[in-house]
Amino acid sequence: MGYLFEREIVVAGKNATIETLSVATAERDKTIDRLEKEKATLEKQNTDLKTAIAESAAPLKKRTLILADQLATFTQQFTNGTPFERVLSDYQNRFPVRNERIALQFDDAGQHSAIIQHLLHSFDFYDPHIFITNVTTLSREFRRLANNLNE
């Protein structure tokens, strides 16, 4: 009888341990399932965000390359003998707002350019050669930033 009594106590104790472990395993499985669902949701959000950034970056790249080409072409007006006053007037009518807007969009995209900021805020409109050099540098720097963007 002692054997039976011990067996009942041992078996009951083991059953209780098994039950406790089963409950803990079930809770762990629920936590794993919840975390896997959260992971899937976060992965989808990450993919959506990367897609949105790519869609935003591609037009920025395209617009910037167009602006860089227009600035480069613009400098040829001066080298082709157009009077400086007309070149300066054309520049002021076409480019300052676009230059600022593109520069801000690059800042938003995480690509700050100290060169562009310096040029935009300290443009020399009095010396024709410095002015054209600055426009050329602006064109090259915009092109460099655009080419750094992922498509």
C-alpha atoms as a PDB file:
ATOM      1  CA  MET A   1       0.000   0.000   0.000  1.00  0.00           C
ATOM      2  CA  GLY A   2       2.859   2.376   0.713  1.00  0.00           C
ATOM      3  CA  TYR A   3       4.014   1.944  -2.851  1.00  0.00           C
ATOM      4  CA  LEU A   4       0.596   2.812  -4.162  1.00  0.00           C
ATOM      5  CA  PHE A   5       0.359   5.826  -1.917  1.00  0.00           C
ATOM      6  CA  GLU A   6       3.770   7.112  -3.020  1.00  0.00           C
ATOM      7  CA  ARG A   7       2.942   6.434  -6.630  1.00  0.00           C
ATOM      8  CA  GLU A   8      -0.302   8.401  -6.350  1.00  0.00           C
ATOM      9  CA  ILE A   9       1.512  11.334  -4.743  1.00  0.00           C
ATOM     10  CA  VAL A  10       4.377  11.255  -7.252  1.00  0.00           C
ATOM     11  CA  VAL A  11       2.054  10.845 -10.221  1.00  0.00           C
ATOM     12  CA  ALA A  12      -0.223  13.617  -8.953  1.00  0.00           C
ATOM     13  CA  GLY A  13       2.780  15.898  -8.461  1.00  0.00           C
ATOM     14  CA  LYS A  14       4.102  15.097 -11.923  1.00  0.00           C
ATOM     15  CA  ASN A  15       0.660  15.647 -13.415  1.00  0.00           C
ATOM     16  CA  ALA A  16       0.513  19.046 -11.743  1.00  0.00           C
ATOM     17  CA  THR A  17       3.957  19.882 -13.147  1.00  0.00           C
ATOM     18  CA  ILE A  18       2.912  18.697 -16.596  1.00  0.00           C
ATOM     19  CA  GLU A  19      -0.260  20.792 -16.394  1.00  0.00           C
ATOM     20  CA  THR A  20       1.746  23.859 -15.336  1.00  0.00           C
ATOM     21  CA  LEU A  21       4.176  23.307 -18.181  1.00  0.00           C
ATOM     22  CA  SER A  22       1.305  22.826 -20.640  1.00  0.00           C
ATOM     23  CA  VAL A  23      -0.272  26.121 -19.561  1.00  0.00           C
ATOM     24  CA  ALA A  24       3.094  27.907 -19.824  1.00  0.00           C
ATOM     25  CA  THR A  25       3.674  26.388 -23.274  1.00  0.00           C
ATOM     26  CA  ALA A  26       0.220  27.462 -24.444  1.00  0.00           C
ATOM     27  CA  GLU A  27       0.850  31.015 -23.192  1.00  0.00           C
ATOM     28  CA  ARG A  28       4.249  31.061 -24.871  1.00  0.00           C
ATOM     29  CA  ASP A  29       2.697  29.837 -28.130  1.00  0.00           C
ATOM     30  CA  LYS A  30       0.065  32.597 -27.953  1.00  0.00           C
ATOM     31  CA  THR A  31       2.807  35.181 -27.378  1.00  0.00           C
ATOM     32  CA  ILE A  32       4.808  33.815 -30.314  1.00  0.00           C
ATOM     33  CA  ASP A  33       1.733  33.962 -32.564  1.00  0.00           C
ATOM     34  CA  ARG A  34       0.986  37.538 -31.493  1.00  0.00           C
ATOM     35  CA  LEU A  35       4.609  38.595 -32.059  1.00  0.00           C
ATOM     36  CA  GLU A  36       4.694  36.916 -35.479  1.00  0.00           C
ATOM     37  CA  LYS A  37       1.536  38.815 -36.476  1.00  0.00           C
ATOM     38  CA  GLU A  38       3.077  42.071 -35.224  1.00  0.00           C
ATOM     39  CA  LYS A  39       6.262  41.289 -37.150  1.00  0.00           C
ATOM     40  CA  ALA A  40       4.291  40.668 -40.344  1.00  0.00           C
ATOM     41  CA  THR A  41       2.417  43.941 -39.855  1.00  0.00           C
ATOM     42  CA  LEU A  42       5.654  45.860 -39.283  1.00  0.00           C
ATOM     43  CA  GLU A  43       7.293  44.231 -42.313  1.00  0.00           C
ATOM     44  CA  LYS A  44       4.343  45.304 -44.470  1.00  0.00           C
ATOM     45  CA  GLN A  45       4.498  48.838 -43.092  1.00  0.00           C
ATOM     46  CA  ASN A  46       8.253  48.898 -43.755  1.00  0.00           C
ATOM     47  CA  THR A  47       7.729  47.733 -47.337  1.00  0.00           C
ATOM     48  CA  ASP A  48       4.989  50.319 -47.852  1.00  0.00           C
ATOM     49  CA  LEU A  49       7.250  53.043 -46.464  1.00  0.00           C
ATOM     50  CA  LYS A  50      10.156  52.015 -48.688  1.00  0.00           C
ATOM     51  CA  THR A  51       7.827  52.042 -51.692  1.00  0.00           C
ATOM     52  CA  ALA A  52       6.537  55.507 -50.802  1.00  0.00           C
ATOM     53  CA  ILE A  53      10.095  56.806 -50.382  1.00  0.00           C
ATOM     54  CA  ALA A  54      11.126  55.311 -53.716  1.00  0.00           C
ATOM     55  CA  GLU A  55       8.105  56.849 -55.435  1.00  0.00           C
ATOM     56  CA  SER A  56       8.931  60.196 -53.853  1.00  0.00           C
ATOM     57  CA  ALA A  57      12.650  59.982 -54.605  1.00  0.00           C
ATOM     58  CA  ALA A  58      12.308  59.129 -58.287  1.00  0.00           C
ATOM     59  CA  PRO A  59      10.374  62.272 -59.198  1.00  0.00           C
ATOM     60  CA  LEU A  60      12.774  64.349 -57.073  1.00  0.00           C
ATOM     61  CA  LYS A  61      15.694  62.835 -58.929  1.00  0.00           C
ATOM     62  CA  LYS A  62      14.073  63.487 -62.301  1.00  0.00           C
ATOM     63  CA  ARG A  63      13.117  67.078 -61.428  1.00  0.00           C
ATOM     64  CA  THR A  64      16.590  67.766 -60.066  1.00  0.00           C
ATOM     65  CA  LEU A  65      18.333  66.421 -63.153  1.00  0.00           C
ATOM     66  CA  ILE A  66      16.068  68.572 -65.322  1.00  0.00           C
ATOM     67  CA  LEU A  67      16.916  71.618 -63.197  1.00  0.00           C
ATOM     68  CA  ALA A  68      20.645  70.813 -63.340  1.00  0.00           C
ATOM     69  CA  ASP A  69      20.463  70.551 -67.143  1.00  0.00           C
ATOM     70  CA  GLN A  70      18.542  73.826 -67.367  1.00  0.00           C
ATOM     71  CA  LEU A  71      21.097  75.586 -65.160  1.00  0.00           C
ATOM     72  CA  ALA A  72      23.949  74.218 -67.268  1.00  0.00           C
ATOM     73  CA  THR A  73      22.227  75.315 -70.483  1.00  0.00           C
ATOM     74  CA  PHE A  74      21.489  78.677 -68.903  1.00  0.00           C
ATOM     75  CA  THR A  75      25.196  79.383 -68.348  1.00  0.00           C
ATOM     76  CA  GLN A  76      25.748  78.997 -72.098  1.00  0.00           C
ATOM     77  CA  GLN A  77      23.638  82.125 -72.692  1.00  0.00           C
ATOM     78  CA  PHE A  78      26.340  84.181 -71.066  1.00  0.00           C
ATOM     79  CA  THR A  79      29.157  82.461 -72.930  1.00  0.00           C
ATOM     80  CA  ASN A  80      27.248  83.009 -76.197  1.00  0.00           C
ATOM     81  CA  GLY A  81      27.476  86.777 -75.741  1.00  0.00           C
ATOM     82  CA  THR A  82      24.051  87.588 -74.242  1.00  0.00           C
ATOM     83  CA  PRO A  83      24.322  90.789 -72.177  1.00  0.00           C
ATOM     84  CA  PHE A  84      24.831  90.059 -68.474  1.00  0.00           C
ATOM     85  CA  GLU A  85      21.813  92.126 -67.393  1.00  0.00           C
ATOM     86  CA  ARG A  86      19.531  89.945 -69.511  1.00  0.00           C
ATOM     87  CA  VAL A  87      21.178  86.741 -68.238  1.00  0.00           C
ATOM     88  CA  LEU A  88      20.733  87.944 -64.654  1.00  0.00           C
ATOM     89  CA  SER A  89      17.086  88.876 -65.257  1.00  0.00           C
ATOM     90  CA  ASP A  90      16.397  85.490 -66.849  1.00  0.00           C
ATOM     91  CA  TYR A  91      18.011  83.740 -63.893  1.00  0.00           C
ATOM     92  CA  GLN A  92      15.993  85.680 -61.328  1.00  0.00           C
ATOM     93  CA  ASN A  93      12.760  84.948 -63.205  1.00  0.00           C
ATOM     94  CA  ARG A  94      13.360  81.224 -63.627  1.00  0.00           C
ATOM     95  CA  PHE A  95      15.504  79.678 -60.931  1.00  0.00           C
ATOM     96  CA  PRO A  96      15.620  81.049 -57.351  1.00  0.00           C
ATOM     97  CA  VAL A  97      12.289  79.594 -56.178  1.00  0.00           C
ATOM     98  CA  ARG A  98      12.932  76.226 -57.855  1.00  0.00           C
ATOM     99  CA  ASN A  99      16.459  76.060 -56.453  1.00  0.00           C
ATOM    100  CA  GLU A 100      15.194  76.676 -52.910  1.00  0.00           C
ATOM    101  CA  ARG A 101      12.341  74.184 -53.274  1.00  0.00           C
ATOM    102  CA  ILE A 102      14.622  71.406 -54.568  1.00  0.00           C
ATOM    103  CA  ALA A 103      17.215  72.144 -51.863  1.00  0.00           C
ATOM    104  CA  LEU A 104      14.517  71.835 -49.172  1.00  0.00           C
ATOM    105  CA  GLN A 105      13.274  68.575 -50.662  1.00  0.00           C
ATOM    106  CA  PHE A 106      16.792  67.161 -50.519  1.00  0.00           C
ATOM    107  CA  ASP A 107      17.017  68.228 -46.884  1.00  0.00           C
ATOM    108  CA  ASP A 108      13.727  66.399 -46.281  1.00  0.00           C
ATOM    109  CA  ALA A 109      15.178  63.330 -48.013  1.00  0.00           C
ATOM    110  CA  GLY A 110      18.218  63.456 -45.713  1.00  0.00           C
ATOM    111  CA  GLN A 111      20.708  64.855 -48.220  1.00  0.00           C
ATOM    112  CA  HIS A 112      21.802  68.260 -47.021  1.00  0.00           C
ATOM    113  CA  SER A 113      24.326  70.136 -49.141  1.00  0.00           C
ATOM    114  CA  ALA A 114      26.321  72.900 -47.480  1.00  0.00           C
ATOM    115  CA  ILE A 115      27.542  73.944 -50.944  1.00  0.00           C
ATOM    116  CA  ILE A 116      24.008  74.524 -52.206  1.00  0.00           C
ATOM    117  CA  GLN A 117      22.984  76.340 -49.031  1.00  0.00           C
ATOM    118  CA  HIS A 118      26.028  78.591 -49.273  1.00  0.00           C
ATOM    119  CA  LEU A 119      25.425  79.335 -52.951  1.00  0.00           C
ATOM    120  CA  LEU A 120      21.727  80.034 -52.520  1.00  0.00           C
ATOM    121  CA  HIS A 121      22.298  82.434 -49.652  1.00  0.00           C
ATOM    122  CA  SER A 122      25.398  84.245 -50.861  1.00  0.00           C
ATOM    123  CA  PHE A 123      24.925  84.558 -54.612  1.00  0.00           C
ATOM    124  CA  ASP A 124      27.069  87.238 -56.238  1.00  0.00           C
ATOM    125  CA  PHE A 125      24.882  89.061 -58.754  1.00  0.00           C
ATOM    126  CA  TYR A 126      27.428  91.777 -59.517  1.00  0.00           C
ATOM    127  CA  ASP A 127      30.461  90.008 -60.954  1.00  0.00           C
ATOM    128  CA  PRO A 128      29.419  88.157 -64.138  1.00  0.00           C
ATOM    129  CA  HIS A 129      32.201  85.565 -63.952  1.00  0.00           C
ATOM    130  CA  ILE A 130      31.557  84.705 -60.302  1.00  0.00           C
ATOM    131  CA  PHE A 131      27.813  84.565 -61.004  1.00  0.00           C
ATOM    132  CA  ILE A 132      28.254  82.100 -63.879  1.00  0.00           C
ATOM    133  CA  THR A 133      30.722  80.048 -61.822  1.00  0.00           C
ATOM    134  CA  ASN A 134      28.171  79.872 -59.000  1.00  0.00           C
ATOM    135  CA  VAL A 135      25.375  78.776 -61.360  1.00  0.00           C
ATOM    136  CA  THR A 136      27.668  76.114 -62.841  1.00  0.00           C
ATOM    137  CA  THR A 137      28.600  74.880 -59.365  1.00  0.00           C
ATOM    138  CA  LEU A 138      24.929  74.822 -58.378  1.00  0.00           C
ATOM    139  CA  SER A 139      24.116  72.746 -61.455  1.00  0.00           C
ATOM    140  CA  ARG A 140      26.898  70.244 -60.693  1.00  0.00           C
ATOM    141  CA  GLU A 141      25.943  69.954 -57.012  1.00  0.00           C
ATOM    142  CA  PHE A 142      22.268  69.369 -57.839  1.00  0.00           C
ATOM    143  CA  ARG A 143      23.324  66.682 -60.313  1.00  0.00           C
ATOM    144  CA  ARG A 144      25.566  65.049 -57.686  1.00  0.00           C
ATOM    145  CA  LEU A 145      22.741  64.972 -55.126  1.00  0.00           C
ATOM    146  CA  ALA A 146      20.266  63.609 -57.673  1.00  0.00           C
ATOM    147  CA  ASN A 147      22.632  60.827 -58.654  1.00  0.00           C
ATOM    148  CA  ASN A 148      22.962  59.867 -54.954  1.00  0.00           C
ATOM    149  CA  LEU A 149      19.226  59.174 -54.721  1.00  0.00           C
ATOM    150  CA  ASN A 150      18.124  55.564 -55.075  1.00  0.00           C
ATOM    151  CA  GLU A 151      15.549  54.896 -57.750  1.00  0.00           C
END
